[in-house]
Amino acid sequence: MNSDLLRTITREEVETYQRDGVLLLQNMFDKDWIELLNKGLDKNIEAPTRRSRIWYKDTSGRSMFYDHTAWQNIEEYKKFIFNSPAAQICGRLTGSATINFFFDSVFVRSTGTQFETPWHQDEPYWSVEGHDSCSLWLPLVLVKQKSSLSFVPGSHHLKSVFKQYNFGDLNPERKKNVDQVNFSEIAEQEFPDINADSERFGVISWDMQPGDCIAFNGRTMHGGSGKLDDDCELRVFTTKWLGDDIRIKFSDYGMDPDHSLDMIEKGLKSGDRPGTDLYPQIWTRV
């Protein structure tokens, strides 16, 4: 398992990430990491956390499973977070001096599932804010472009407050105590209909191999990752990372995932730099 970068992240790649808020990085994690994470994901599916739920289920039984913040219970996830080059990748791209881990999430679509993730930005849902966030979307299986996550490059620079989708509505099994958000009172405008004119928005996505990852800013618009062929499933492990300017922010309109109670229990409050064993510092620039 590679603990260091398999290759150098170039200046051009850093510039692309800063400009576009999204970057495909090929062959960043060796096959041992992919095997380990697949093993961890199998454990996660077999014994989900209380936060897990089914986002989608059709009449044929095809479904999408979602879970997050499972790393403290799954040794394979923890090993990846502390020992893989993921934190270093995010540090290089954001230009940060230090990188803290935020949380993990998994997305599993069964073969043939046609569900597409609604377009959104991540940061408005979170209990933190700042420009130096970086997420790594790491597929554990081969992904065709039509099934991959799609992005609007440069959208992380937009200043408008958009009305984001309430993912709490993705709950066909009516699970209780699901995190909810309501952006109606703070939104300055509706979220743009990106699917209606994807060419104008410059939407991008890629074919991907296991070991590739997409790095993207928490403010970058993204969605999609549906349209699976009947013989293809989708297994994705994502990690969220926090750079230098990230600070805690509790929101009255709801948070998803809502970390506020855990943060308060650890003595963290709005305006603080994330830390403690909940959000450990993993990487420091030398």
C-alpha atoms as a PDB file:
ATOM      1  CA  MET A   1       0.000   0.000   0.000  1.00  0.00           C
ATOM      2  CA  ASN A   2       1.458   3.342  -0.995  1.00  0.00           C
ATOM      3  CA  SER A   3       1.719   5.793   1.889  1.00  0.00           C
ATOM      4  CA  ASP A   4       3.345   8.437  -0.282  1.00  0.00           C
ATOM      5  CA  LEU A   5       2.316   9.788  -3.656  1.00  0.00           C
ATOM      6  CA  LEU A   6       2.739   7.352  -6.538  1.00  0.00           C
ATOM      7  CA  ARG A   7       3.650  10.357  -8.654  1.00  0.00           C
ATOM      8  CA  THR A   8       4.213  14.068  -8.202  1.00  0.00           C
ATOM      9  CA  ILE A   9       1.228  16.392  -8.378  1.00  0.00           C
ATOM     10  CA  THR A  10       2.269  18.916 -10.990  1.00  0.00           C
ATOM     11  CA  ARG A  11       2.008  22.698 -10.843  1.00  0.00           C
ATOM     12  CA  GLU A  12      -0.427  22.531 -13.760  1.00  0.00           C
ATOM     13  CA  GLU A  13      -2.677  20.157 -11.799  1.00  0.00           C
ATOM     14  CA  VAL A  14      -2.655  22.470  -8.781  1.00  0.00           C
ATOM     15  CA  GLU A  15      -3.537  25.413 -11.027  1.00  0.00           C
ATOM     16  CA  THR A  16      -6.353  23.420 -12.638  1.00  0.00           C
ATOM     17  CA  TYR A  17      -7.755  22.475  -9.245  1.00  0.00           C
ATOM     18  CA  GLN A  18      -7.610  26.072  -8.009  1.00  0.00           C
ATOM     19  CA  ARG A  19      -9.236  27.377 -11.199  1.00  0.00           C
ATOM     20  CA  ASP A  20     -11.888  24.710 -11.759  1.00  0.00           C
ATOM     21  CA  GLY A  21     -12.493  23.410  -8.247  1.00  0.00           C
ATOM     22  CA  VAL A  22     -12.260  19.854  -9.579  1.00  0.00           C
ATOM     23  CA  LEU A  23      -9.497  17.617 -10.912  1.00  0.00           C
ATOM     24  CA  LEU A  24      -9.215  14.023 -12.084  1.00  0.00           C
ATOM     25  CA  LEU A  25      -6.111  12.343 -10.647  1.00  0.00           C
ATOM     26  CA  GLN A  26      -5.257   9.012 -12.233  1.00  0.00           C
ATOM     27  CA  ASN A  27      -3.449   6.126 -10.543  1.00  0.00           C
ATOM     28  CA  MET A  28      -3.050   7.697  -7.095  1.00  0.00           C
ATOM     29  CA  PHE A  29      -3.835   4.625  -4.967  1.00  0.00           C
ATOM     30  CA  ASP A  30      -2.440   1.142  -5.556  1.00  0.00           C
ATOM     31  CA  LYS A  31      -4.530  -2.027  -5.793  1.00  0.00           C
ATOM     32  CA  ASP A  32      -3.891  -2.916  -2.158  1.00  0.00           C
ATOM     33  CA  TRP A  33      -5.780   0.181  -1.021  1.00  0.00           C
ATOM     34  CA  ILE A  34      -8.672  -0.666  -3.325  1.00  0.00           C
ATOM     35  CA  GLU A  35      -8.823  -4.230  -1.995  1.00  0.00           C
ATOM     36  CA  LEU A  36      -8.701  -2.966   1.595  1.00  0.00           C
ATOM     37  CA  LEU A  37     -11.459  -0.403   1.054  1.00  0.00           C
ATOM     38  CA  ASN A  38     -13.660  -2.948  -0.713  1.00  0.00           C
ATOM     39  CA  LYS A  39     -13.253  -5.198   2.323  1.00  0.00           C
ATOM     40  CA  GLY A  40     -14.189  -2.298   4.605  1.00  0.00           C
ATOM     41  CA  LEU A  41     -17.176  -1.396   2.455  1.00  0.00           C
ATOM     42  CA  ASP A  42     -18.476  -4.976   2.641  1.00  0.00           C
ATOM     43  CA  LYS A  43     -18.322  -4.686   6.441  1.00  0.00           C
ATOM     44  CA  ASN A  44     -20.072  -1.319   6.277  1.00  0.00           C
ATOM     45  CA  ILE A  45     -22.940  -2.713   4.199  1.00  0.00           C
ATOM     46  CA  GLU A  46     -23.288  -5.729   6.492  1.00  0.00           C
ATOM     47  CA  ALA A  47     -23.255  -3.597   9.662  1.00  0.00           C
ATOM     48  CA  PRO A  48     -24.296  -0.028   8.767  1.00  0.00           C
ATOM     49  CA  THR A  49     -24.102   2.870  11.194  1.00  0.00           C
ATOM     50  CA  ARG A  50     -27.239   4.477  12.633  1.00  0.00           C
ATOM     51  CA  ARG A  51     -26.743   7.235  10.023  1.00  0.00           C
ATOM     52  CA  SER A  52     -27.103   4.921   7.019  1.00  0.00           C
ATOM     53  CA  ARG A  53     -30.111   4.766   4.771  1.00  0.00           C
ATOM     54  CA  ILE A  54     -31.345   3.725   1.373  1.00  0.00           C
ATOM     55  CA  TRP A  55     -31.499   6.748  -0.932  1.00  0.00           C
ATOM     56  CA  TYR A  56     -33.325   5.000  -3.744  1.00  0.00           C
ATOM     57  CA  LYS A  57     -35.183   1.750  -4.430  1.00  0.00           C
ATOM     58  CA  ASP A  58     -37.167   0.777  -7.509  1.00  0.00           C
ATOM     59  CA  THR A  59     -39.789  -1.901  -8.072  1.00  0.00           C
ATOM     60  CA  SER A  60     -37.148  -4.327  -9.386  1.00  0.00           C
ATOM     61  CA  GLY A  61     -35.175  -4.136  -6.135  1.00  0.00           C
ATOM     62  CA  ARG A  62     -32.363  -1.992  -7.528  1.00  0.00           C
ATOM     63  CA  SER A  63     -31.190   0.419  -4.864  1.00  0.00           C
ATOM     64  CA  MET A  64     -28.645   2.926  -3.635  1.00  0.00           C
ATOM     65  CA  PHE A  65     -27.074   2.575  -0.184  1.00  0.00           C
ATOM     66  CA  TYR A  66     -25.562   5.560   1.637  1.00  0.00           C
ATOM     67  CA  ASP A  67     -23.657   5.784   4.902  1.00  0.00           C
ATOM     68  CA  HIS A  68     -21.194   8.204   6.469  1.00  0.00           C
ATOM     69  CA  THR A  69     -18.894   8.782   9.433  1.00  0.00           C
ATOM     70  CA  ALA A  70     -18.151   5.076   9.820  1.00  0.00           C
ATOM     71  CA  TRP A  71     -14.355   5.359  10.033  1.00  0.00           C
ATOM     72  CA  GLN A  72     -14.117   4.949  13.790  1.00  0.00           C
ATOM     73  CA  ASN A  73     -15.850   1.559  13.544  1.00  0.00           C
ATOM     74  CA  ILE A  74     -14.196   0.177  10.410  1.00  0.00           C
ATOM     75  CA  GLU A  75     -10.475  -0.486  10.680  1.00  0.00           C
ATOM     76  CA  GLU A  76      -9.969  -0.537   6.908  1.00  0.00           C
ATOM     77  CA  TYR A  77     -11.329   3.007   6.604  1.00  0.00           C
ATOM     78  CA  LYS A  78      -9.224   4.204   9.522  1.00  0.00           C
ATOM     79  CA  LYS A  79      -6.074   2.734   8.003  1.00  0.00           C
ATOM     80  CA  PHE A  80      -6.755   4.552   4.726  1.00  0.00           C
ATOM     81  CA  ILE A  81      -7.385   7.872   6.465  1.00  0.00           C
ATOM     82  CA  PHE A  82      -4.217   7.771   8.563  1.00  0.00           C
ATOM     83  CA  ASN A  83      -1.806   5.973   6.228  1.00  0.00           C
ATOM     84  CA  SER A  84      -2.753   6.655   2.597  1.00  0.00           C
ATOM     85  CA  PRO A  85      -1.586   9.737   0.639  1.00  0.00           C
ATOM     86  CA  ALA A  86      -5.140  11.161   0.618  1.00  0.00           C
ATOM     87  CA  ALA A  87      -4.429  13.965   3.097  1.00  0.00           C
ATOM     88  CA  GLN A  88      -1.218  14.875   1.281  1.00  0.00           C
ATOM     89  CA  ILE A  89      -3.087  15.084  -2.039  1.00  0.00           C
ATOM     90  CA  CYS A  90      -5.559  17.548  -0.534  1.00  0.00           C
ATOM     91  CA  GLY A  91      -2.798  19.538   1.115  1.00  0.00           C
ATOM     92  CA  ARG A  92      -0.910  19.912  -2.154  1.00  0.00           C
ATOM     93  CA  LEU A  93      -4.013  20.951  -4.086  1.00  0.00           C
ATOM     94  CA  THR A  94      -5.333  23.465  -1.537  1.00  0.00           C
ATOM     95  CA  GLY A  95      -1.900  24.869  -0.694  1.00  0.00           C
ATOM     96  CA  SER A  96      -2.630  24.361   2.997  1.00  0.00           C
ATOM     97  CA  ALA A  97      -0.055  23.992   5.746  1.00  0.00           C
ATOM     98  CA  THR A  98      -2.111  21.351   7.571  1.00  0.00           C
ATOM     99  CA  ILE A  99      -4.961  19.000   6.695  1.00  0.00           C
ATOM    100  CA  ASN A 100      -7.553  17.610   9.101  1.00  0.00           C
ATOM    101  CA  PHE A 101      -9.896  14.748   8.331  1.00  0.00           C
ATOM    102  CA  PHE A 102     -13.605  15.634   8.288  1.00  0.00           C
ATOM    103  CA  PHE A 103     -15.684  12.538   7.490  1.00  0.00           C
ATOM    104  CA  ASP A 104     -16.086   9.556   5.173  1.00  0.00           C
ATOM    105  CA  SER A 105     -19.107   8.549   3.116  1.00  0.00           C
ATOM    106  CA  VAL A 106     -19.988   5.635   0.870  1.00  0.00           C
ATOM    107  CA  PHE A 107     -22.316   5.340  -2.110  1.00  0.00           C
ATOM    108  CA  VAL A 108     -23.301   1.908  -3.419  1.00  0.00           C
ATOM    109  CA  ARG A 109     -25.595   1.495  -6.403  1.00  0.00           C
ATOM    110  CA  SER A 110     -26.698  -2.015  -7.342  1.00  0.00           C
ATOM    111  CA  THR A 111     -26.365  -3.181 -10.951  1.00  0.00           C
ATOM    112  CA  GLY A 112     -28.573  -1.356 -13.417  1.00  0.00           C
ATOM    113  CA  THR A 113     -29.621   1.411 -11.022  1.00  0.00           C
ATOM    114  CA  GLN A 114     -30.721   4.559 -12.888  1.00  0.00           C
ATOM    115  CA  PHE A 115     -30.835   6.997  -9.960  1.00  0.00           C
ATOM    116  CA  GLU A 116     -28.915  10.252 -10.486  1.00  0.00           C
ATOM    117  CA  THR A 117     -27.697  12.341  -7.562  1.00  0.00           C
ATOM    118  CA  PRO A 118     -29.394  15.776  -7.531  1.00  0.00           C
ATOM    119  CA  TRP A 119     -27.082  18.676  -8.403  1.00  0.00           C
ATOM    120  CA  HIS A 120     -25.770  20.479  -5.337  1.00  0.00           C
ATOM    121  CA  GLN A 121     -22.777  21.963  -3.524  1.00  0.00           C
ATOM    122  CA  ASP A 122     -21.482  20.216  -0.405  1.00  0.00           C
ATOM    123  CA  GLU A 123     -20.361  23.010   1.878  1.00  0.00           C
ATOM    124  CA  PRO A 124     -23.795  24.621   2.453  1.00  0.00           C
ATOM    125  CA  TYR A 125     -24.900  21.369   4.142  1.00  0.00           C
ATOM    126  CA  TRP A 126     -21.889  21.096   6.420  1.00  0.00           C
ATOM    127  CA  SER A 127     -21.112  22.277   9.933  1.00  0.00           C
ATOM    128  CA  VAL A 128     -17.958  23.993   8.641  1.00  0.00           C
ATOM    129  CA  GLU A 129     -17.180  26.718   6.109  1.00  0.00           C
ATOM    130  CA  GLY A 130     -14.153  27.993   4.193  1.00  0.00           C
ATOM    131  CA  HIS A 131     -12.483  27.748   0.812  1.00  0.00           C
ATOM    132  CA  ASP A 132      -9.840  25.132   1.689  1.00  0.00           C
ATOM    133  CA  SER A 133     -11.997  22.015   1.766  1.00  0.00           C
ATOM    134  CA  CYS A 134     -11.151  19.118  -0.516  1.00  0.00           C
ATOM    135  CA  SER A 135     -13.104  15.916  -1.159  1.00  0.00           C
ATOM    136  CA  LEU A 136     -11.764  12.762  -2.790  1.00  0.00           C
ATOM    137  CA  TRP A 137     -14.283  10.673  -4.757  1.00  0.00           C
ATOM    138  CA  LEU A 138     -12.650   7.262  -5.053  1.00  0.00           C
ATOM    139  CA  PRO A 139     -14.442   4.527  -7.028  1.00  0.00           C
ATOM    140  CA  LEU A 140     -13.608   0.959  -6.006  1.00  0.00           C
ATOM    141  CA  VAL A 141     -14.777  -0.456  -9.356  1.00  0.00           C
ATOM    142  CA  LEU A 142     -14.416   0.600 -12.975  1.00  0.00           C
ATOM    143  CA  VAL A 143     -16.698   3.552 -13.765  1.00  0.00           C
ATOM    144  CA  LYS A 144     -17.939   4.616 -17.178  1.00  0.00           C
ATOM    145  CA  GLN A 145     -18.207   8.326 -17.884  1.00  0.00           C
ATOM    146  CA  LYS A 146     -22.013   8.185 -18.091  1.00  0.00           C
ATOM    147  CA  SER A 147     -22.081   6.725 -14.562  1.00  0.00           C
ATOM    148  CA  SER A 148     -19.434   8.970 -13.034  1.00  0.00           C
ATOM    149  CA  LEU A 149     -19.960  12.047 -10.896  1.00  0.00           C
ATOM    150  CA  SER A 150     -20.276  15.215 -13.005  1.00  0.00           C
ATOM    151  CA  PHE A 151     -19.084  18.740 -12.187  1.00  0.00           C
ATOM    152  CA  VAL A 152     -19.461  22.374 -13.212  1.00  0.00           C
ATOM    153  CA  PRO A 153     -15.880  23.686 -13.367  1.00  0.00           C
ATOM    154  CA  GLY A 154     -15.332  27.068 -11.745  1.00  0.00           C
ATOM    155  CA  SER A 155     -18.614  26.990  -9.829  1.00  0.00           C
ATOM    156  CA  HIS A 156     -16.766  27.083  -6.483  1.00  0.00           C
ATOM    157  CA  HIS A 157     -16.063  30.785  -7.196  1.00  0.00           C
ATOM    158  CA  LEU A 158     -19.778  31.698  -7.313  1.00  0.00           C
ATOM    159  CA  LYS A 159     -20.912  33.962  -4.468  1.00  0.00           C
ATOM    160  CA  SER A 160     -24.680  33.402  -4.723  1.00  0.00           C
ATOM    161  CA  VAL A 161     -26.482  31.389  -2.060  1.00  0.00           C
ATOM    162  CA  PHE A 162     -28.473  28.769  -3.942  1.00  0.00           C
ATOM    163  CA  LYS A 163     -31.457  26.763  -2.777  1.00  0.00           C
ATOM    164  CA  GLN A 164     -29.957  23.320  -2.298  1.00  0.00           C
ATOM    165  CA  TYR A 165     -31.763  19.992  -2.438  1.00  0.00           C
ATOM    166  CA  ASN A 166     -32.900  18.407   0.836  1.00  0.00           C
ATOM    167  CA  PHE A 167     -31.286  14.963   0.762  1.00  0.00           C
ATOM    168  CA  GLY A 168     -33.431  14.027   3.744  1.00  0.00           C
ATOM    169  CA  ASP A 169     -36.194  13.522   1.175  1.00  0.00           C
ATOM    170  CA  LEU A 170     -34.253  10.553  -0.250  1.00  0.00           C
ATOM    171  CA  ASN A 171     -35.725   8.130   2.229  1.00  0.00           C
ATOM    172  CA  PRO A 172     -38.025   5.540   0.592  1.00  0.00           C
ATOM    173  CA  GLU A 173     -37.924   3.330   3.669  1.00  0.00           C
ATOM    174  CA  ARG A 174     -39.124   6.202   5.874  1.00  0.00           C
ATOM    175  CA  LYS A 175     -36.250   5.932   8.303  1.00  0.00           C
ATOM    176  CA  LYS A 176     -36.676   8.205  11.329  1.00  0.00           C
ATOM    177  CA  ASN A 177     -34.317  10.905  12.607  1.00  0.00           C
ATOM    178  CA  VAL A 178     -32.820  11.670   9.191  1.00  0.00           C
ATOM    179  CA  ASP A 179     -30.847  14.927   8.893  1.00  0.00           C
ATOM    180  CA  GLN A 180     -32.869  17.644   7.161  1.00  0.00           C
ATOM    181  CA  VAL A 181     -32.054  21.040   5.630  1.00  0.00           C
ATOM    182  CA  ASN A 182     -34.276  23.881   4.482  1.00  0.00           C
ATOM    183  CA  PHE A 183     -32.587  26.585   2.438  1.00  0.00           C
ATOM    184  CA  SER A 184     -35.813  28.460   1.584  1.00  0.00           C
ATOM    185  CA  GLU A 185     -35.235  31.411   3.910  1.00  0.00           C
ATOM    186  CA  ILE A 186     -31.566  31.991   3.112  1.00  0.00           C
ATOM    187  CA  ALA A 187     -31.419  31.171  -0.602  1.00  0.00           C
ATOM    188  CA  GLU A 188     -30.896  34.093  -2.958  1.00  0.00           C
ATOM    189  CA  GLN A 189     -31.950  32.098  -6.018  1.00  0.00           C
ATOM    190  CA  GLU A 190     -33.024  28.672  -7.175  1.00  0.00           C
ATOM    191  CA  PHE A 191     -30.354  26.133  -7.994  1.00  0.00           C
ATOM    192  CA  PRO A 192     -29.658  26.257 -11.747  1.00  0.00           C
ATOM    193  CA  ASP A 193     -31.140  23.545 -13.966  1.00  0.00           C
ATOM    194  CA  ILE A 194     -27.802  22.153 -15.112  1.00  0.00           C
ATOM    195  CA  ASN A 195     -29.215  19.114 -16.904  1.00  0.00           C
ATOM    196  CA  ALA A 196     -31.294  21.377 -19.132  1.00  0.00           C
ATOM    197  CA  ASP A 197     -28.175  22.957 -20.661  1.00  0.00           C
ATOM    198  CA  SER A 198     -25.119  20.960 -19.624  1.00  0.00           C
ATOM    199  CA  GLU A 199     -23.083  22.306 -22.546  1.00  0.00           C
ATOM    200  CA  ARG A 200     -23.539  25.920 -21.427  1.00  0.00           C
ATOM    201  CA  PHE A 201     -22.433  24.998 -17.914  1.00  0.00           C
ATOM    202  CA  GLY A 202     -19.392  23.133 -19.256  1.00  0.00           C
ATOM    203  CA  VAL A 203     -20.251  19.942 -17.376  1.00  0.00           C
ATOM    204  CA  ILE A 204     -17.361  17.479 -17.152  1.00  0.00           C
ATOM    205  CA  SER A 205     -16.989  13.841 -16.074  1.00  0.00           C
ATOM    206  CA  TRP A 206     -14.594  10.995 -16.783  1.00  0.00           C
ATOM    207  CA  ASP A 207     -14.131   7.278 -17.282  1.00  0.00           C
ATOM    208  CA  MET A 208     -12.314   6.032 -14.186  1.00  0.00           C
ATOM    209  CA  GLN A 209     -10.308   3.029 -13.067  1.00  0.00           C
ATOM    210  CA  PRO A 210      -9.905   1.813  -9.476  1.00  0.00           C
ATOM    211  CA  GLY A 211      -7.009   3.831  -8.067  1.00  0.00           C
ATOM    212  CA  ASP A 212      -8.127   7.039  -9.789  1.00  0.00           C
ATOM    213  CA  CYS A 213      -9.867   9.744  -7.781  1.00  0.00           C
ATOM    214  CA  ILE A 214     -11.616  13.045  -8.345  1.00  0.00           C
ATOM    215  CA  ALA A 215     -10.571  15.877  -6.038  1.00  0.00           C
ATOM    216  CA  PHE A 216     -13.082  18.684  -5.682  1.00  0.00           C
ATOM    217  CA  ASN A 217     -13.791  21.753  -3.594  1.00  0.00           C
ATOM    218  CA  GLY A 218     -16.758  21.676  -1.200  1.00  0.00           C
ATOM    219  CA  ARG A 219     -18.312  24.590  -3.099  1.00  0.00           C
ATOM    220  CA  THR A 220     -18.107  23.000  -6.561  1.00  0.00           C
ATOM    221  CA  MET A 221     -21.456  22.072  -8.113  1.00  0.00           C
ATOM    222  CA  HIS A 222     -21.758  18.356  -8.792  1.00  0.00           C
ATOM    223  CA  GLY A 223     -24.337  15.634  -9.367  1.00  0.00           C
ATOM    224  CA  GLY A 224     -25.224  12.695 -11.553  1.00  0.00           C
ATOM    225  CA  SER A 225     -23.418   9.353 -11.160  1.00  0.00           C
ATOM    226  CA  GLY A 226     -26.371   7.317 -12.364  1.00  0.00           C
ATOM    227  CA  LYS A 227     -27.308   5.420 -15.538  1.00  0.00           C
ATOM    228  CA  LEU A 228     -25.634   2.107 -14.687  1.00  0.00           C
ATOM    229  CA  ASP A 229     -25.627  -0.716 -17.216  1.00  0.00           C
ATOM    230  CA  ASP A 230     -27.379  -3.932 -16.177  1.00  0.00           C
ATOM    231  CA  ASP A 231     -24.026  -5.620 -15.509  1.00  0.00           C
ATOM    232  CA  CYS A 232     -22.408  -2.690 -13.665  1.00  0.00           C
ATOM    233  CA  GLU A 233     -22.570  -1.642 -10.036  1.00  0.00           C
ATOM    234  CA  LEU A 234     -21.085   1.468  -8.452  1.00  0.00           C
ATOM    235  CA  ARG A 235     -19.052   1.355  -5.235  1.00  0.00           C
ATOM    236  CA  VAL A 236     -17.544   4.662  -4.140  1.00  0.00           C
ATOM    237  CA  PHE A 237     -15.622   5.622  -1.009  1.00  0.00           C
ATOM    238  CA  THR A 238     -15.288   9.356  -0.401  1.00  0.00           C
ATOM    239  CA  THR A 239     -13.310  11.305   2.145  1.00  0.00           C
ATOM    240  CA  LYS A 240     -13.660  14.978   3.106  1.00  0.00           C
ATOM    241  CA  TRP A 241     -10.627  16.989   4.185  1.00  0.00           C
ATOM    242  CA  LEU A 242     -10.202  20.410   5.799  1.00  0.00           C
ATOM    243  CA  GLY A 243      -7.403  22.884   5.071  1.00  0.00           C
ATOM    244  CA  ASP A 244      -6.151  26.074   6.656  1.00  0.00           C
ATOM    245  CA  ASP A 245      -9.115  28.475   6.469  1.00  0.00           C
ATOM    246  CA  ILE A 246     -11.878  26.049   7.487  1.00  0.00           C
ATOM    247  CA  ARG A 247     -13.840  27.026  10.580  1.00  0.00           C
ATOM    248  CA  ILE A 248     -16.833  25.517  12.346  1.00  0.00           C
ATOM    249  CA  LYS A 249     -20.215  27.037  11.519  1.00  0.00           C
ATOM    250  CA  PHE A 250     -23.526  25.845  12.961  1.00  0.00           C
ATOM    251  CA  SER A 251     -26.516  26.620  10.732  1.00  0.00           C
ATOM    252  CA  ASP A 252     -30.093  27.313  11.823  1.00  0.00           C
ATOM    253  CA  TYR A 253     -31.489  25.871   8.571  1.00  0.00           C
ATOM    254  CA  GLY A 254     -30.103  22.408   9.309  1.00  0.00           C
ATOM    255  CA  MET A 255     -26.948  20.470   8.528  1.00  0.00           C
ATOM    256  CA  ASP A 256     -26.375  17.208   6.661  1.00  0.00           C
ATOM    257  CA  PRO A 257     -24.520  15.462   8.092  1.00  0.00           C
ATOM    258  CA  ASP A 258     -25.199  17.289  11.342  1.00  0.00           C
ATOM    259  CA  HIS A 259     -22.062  17.063  13.483  1.00  0.00           C
ATOM    260  CA  SER A 260     -23.081  19.850  15.855  1.00  0.00           C
ATOM    261  CA  LEU A 261     -23.888  17.718  18.920  1.00  0.00           C
ATOM    262  CA  ASP A 262     -20.642  15.769  18.620  1.00  0.00           C
ATOM    263  CA  MET A 263     -18.716  19.009  18.154  1.00  0.00           C
ATOM    264  CA  ILE A 264     -20.314  20.672  21.169  1.00  0.00           C
ATOM    265  CA  GLU A 265     -19.593  17.592  23.275  1.00  0.00           C
ATOM    266  CA  LYS A 266     -15.914  18.003  22.376  1.00  0.00           C
ATOM    267  CA  GLY A 267     -15.982  21.696  23.322  1.00  0.00           C
ATOM    268  CA  LEU A 268     -15.974  22.982  19.744  1.00  0.00           C
ATOM    269  CA  LYS A 269     -18.027  26.052  18.790  1.00  0.00           C
ATOM    270  CA  SER A 270     -18.694  28.211  15.743  1.00  0.00           C
ATOM    271  CA  GLY A 271     -15.531  29.963  14.613  1.00  0.00           C
ATOM    272  CA  ASP A 272     -13.182  27.282  15.971  1.00  0.00           C
ATOM    273  CA  ARG A 273     -10.690  25.403  13.848  1.00  0.00           C
ATOM    274  CA  PRO A 274     -11.824  21.758  13.613  1.00  0.00           C
ATOM    275  CA  GLY A 275      -9.702  19.426  15.692  1.00  0.00           C
ATOM    276  CA  THR A 276      -9.833  16.909  18.564  1.00  0.00           C
ATOM    277  CA  ASP A 277     -10.015  13.183  17.874  1.00  0.00           C
ATOM    278  CA  LEU A 278     -13.193  13.780  15.835  1.00  0.00           C
ATOM    279  CA  TYR A 279     -11.287  15.674  13.142  1.00  0.00           C
ATOM    280  CA  PRO A 280      -7.655  14.622  13.554  1.00  0.00           C
ATOM    281  CA  GLN A 281      -4.826  16.464  11.864  1.00  0.00           C
ATOM    282  CA  ILE A 282      -3.356  13.964   9.408  1.00  0.00           C
ATOM    283  CA  TRP A 283      -0.868  15.916   7.305  1.00  0.00           C
ATOM    284  CA  THR A 284       1.542  18.801   7.833  1.00  0.00           C
ATOM    285  CA  ARG A 285       3.537  20.507   5.103  1.00  0.00           C
ATOM    286  CA  VAL A 286       7.293  20.156   5.603  1.00  0.00           C
END
